[in-house]
Amino acid sequence: MRKRRPIDTERATVAVLLLITQQIGRPCPTRNQIIAQTGLPKREVWRFMDGLHRKGVIEIEERAIRPGNWRRMRLTGGKWTDWTTRRVKRRRYPLRRRETTDD
């Protein structure tokens, strides 16, 4: 049976705080960026971030705009990061040919 590796919460917290301060005025860090900086497992990222939010270390603001939620973060009382960027591929449906009728 696999065991979960222990999470160094202090190191991860410092890494998140540094990442947020580096992103001020730029798009909010993505999950992949947070994983790369903190070493957190993919499934634990948002649970960890929510824990920091509940402790009052960071503030997270979300908008329920499709596709996906948009978010921005800041240290408590600090400056906000910009909203997350979404690279959405819009599906282009082929145009239907209008059939001309000769009457």
Protein backbone atom coordinates (compact mmCIF):
# COMPACT_ATOMS: atom_id res chain seq x y z
CA MET A 1 0.00 0.00 0.00
CA ARG A 2 1.29 3.43 -0.91
CA LYS A 3 1.83 5.97 1.81
CA ARG A 4 1.41 9.68 1.40
CA ARG A 5 4.64 11.55 1.65
CA PRO A 6 4.79 14.02 4.52
CA ILE A 7 4.15 17.65 3.59
CA ASP A 8 6.55 20.26 4.92
CA THR A 9 3.88 22.87 5.59
CA GLU A 10 6.27 25.62 6.66
CA ARG A 11 8.36 25.31 3.50
CA ALA A 12 5.24 25.13 1.32
CA THR A 13 3.73 28.18 3.03
CA VAL A 14 6.85 30.26 2.45
CA ALA A 15 6.97 29.13 -1.19
CA VAL A 16 3.30 30.11 -1.72
CA LEU A 17 3.84 33.52 -0.13
CA LEU A 18 6.87 34.16 -2.34
CA LEU A 19 4.98 33.02 -5.43
CA ILE A 20 2.05 35.34 -4.68
CA THR A 21 4.34 38.34 -4.09
CA GLN A 22 6.15 37.64 -7.38
CA GLN A 23 2.83 37.50 -9.25
CA ILE A 24 1.47 40.88 -8.05
CA GLY A 25 0.04 42.67 -11.09
CA ARG A 26 0.42 39.50 -13.16
CA PRO A 27 -2.00 36.58 -13.58
CA CYS A 28 -2.74 34.50 -10.50
CA PRO A 29 -0.50 31.41 -10.10
CA THR A 30 -1.92 28.24 -11.61
CA ARG A 31 -2.06 24.91 -9.86
CA ASN A 32 0.91 23.70 -11.89
CA GLN A 33 3.00 26.70 -10.83
CA ILE A 34 2.09 26.12 -7.19
CA ILE A 35 3.04 22.43 -7.48
CA ALA A 36 6.39 23.34 -9.06
CA GLN A 37 7.23 25.84 -6.30
CA THR A 38 5.94 23.95 -3.25
CA GLY A 39 6.29 20.29 -4.11
CA LEU A 40 2.73 19.63 -2.94
CA PRO A 41 0.88 16.66 -4.42
CA LYS A 42 -1.60 17.61 -7.14
CA ARG A 43 -4.62 16.59 -5.07
CA GLU A 44 -3.53 18.59 -2.03
CA VAL A 45 -2.91 21.99 -3.63
CA TRP A 46 -6.33 23.60 -3.26
CA ARG A 47 -6.92 22.00 0.14
CA PHE A 48 -3.63 23.51 1.33
CA MET A 49 -4.46 26.92 -0.20
CA ASP A 50 -7.90 26.85 1.42
CA GLY A 51 -6.23 26.11 4.76
CA LEU A 52 -4.00 29.17 4.38
CA HIS A 53 -7.08 31.21 3.51
CA ARG A 54 -8.96 29.99 6.61
CA LYS A 55 -5.94 30.83 8.81
CA GLY A 56 -5.95 34.38 7.42
CA VAL A 57 -2.51 34.14 5.81
CA ILE A 58 -3.76 34.77 2.27
CA GLU A 59 -6.95 36.05 0.68
CA ILE A 60 -8.51 34.35 -2.33
CA GLU A 61 -11.26 35.97 -4.39
CA GLU A 62 -13.12 33.90 -6.96
CA ARG A 63 -15.59 34.62 -9.71
CA ALA A 64 -17.78 31.91 -11.10
CA ILE A 65 -17.24 32.77 -14.74
CA ARG A 66 -17.20 29.99 -17.24
CA PRO A 67 -15.03 28.31 -18.38
CA GLY A 68 -13.74 27.50 -14.93
CA ASN A 69 -13.59 29.82 -11.97
CA TRP A 70 -11.38 32.86 -12.19
CA ARG A 71 -9.40 33.71 -9.09
CA ARG A 72 -6.91 36.15 -7.71
CA MET A 73 -4.87 36.05 -4.51
CA ARG A 74 -3.01 38.31 -2.17
CA LEU A 75 -1.26 38.26 1.14
CA THR A 76 -3.62 39.51 3.82
CA GLY A 77 -3.86 43.27 3.36
CA GLY A 78 -1.43 43.29 0.41
CA LYS A 79 -1.81 43.93 -3.31
CA TRP A 80 -3.80 41.56 -5.51
CA THR A 81 -2.47 39.38 -8.28
CA ASP A 82 -4.33 39.81 -11.53
CA TRP A 83 -7.19 37.45 -12.43
CA THR A 84 -6.28 34.04 -13.78
CA THR A 85 -5.83 33.83 -17.50
CA ARG A 86 -7.68 31.27 -19.51
CA ARG A 87 -6.56 30.02 -22.84
CA VAL A 88 -9.84 28.85 -24.22
CA LYS A 89 -10.00 27.31 -27.62
CA ARG A 90 -13.23 28.30 -29.20
CA ARG A 91 -14.69 25.62 -31.35
CA ARG A 92 -15.40 26.73 -34.83
CA TYR A 93 -18.17 24.87 -36.44
CA PRO A 94 -18.14 24.65 -40.19
CA LEU A 95 -20.58 26.95 -41.88
CA ARG A 96 -23.57 25.27 -43.36
CA ARG A 97 -23.97 25.81 -47.01
CA ARG A 98 -27.14 27.53 -47.84
CA GLU A 99 -28.90 25.71 -50.53
CA THR A 100 -30.11 28.01 -53.21
CA THR A 101 -33.45 27.35 -54.70
CA ASP A 102 -34.06 28.26 -58.29
CA ASP A 103 -37.72 29.14 -58.59
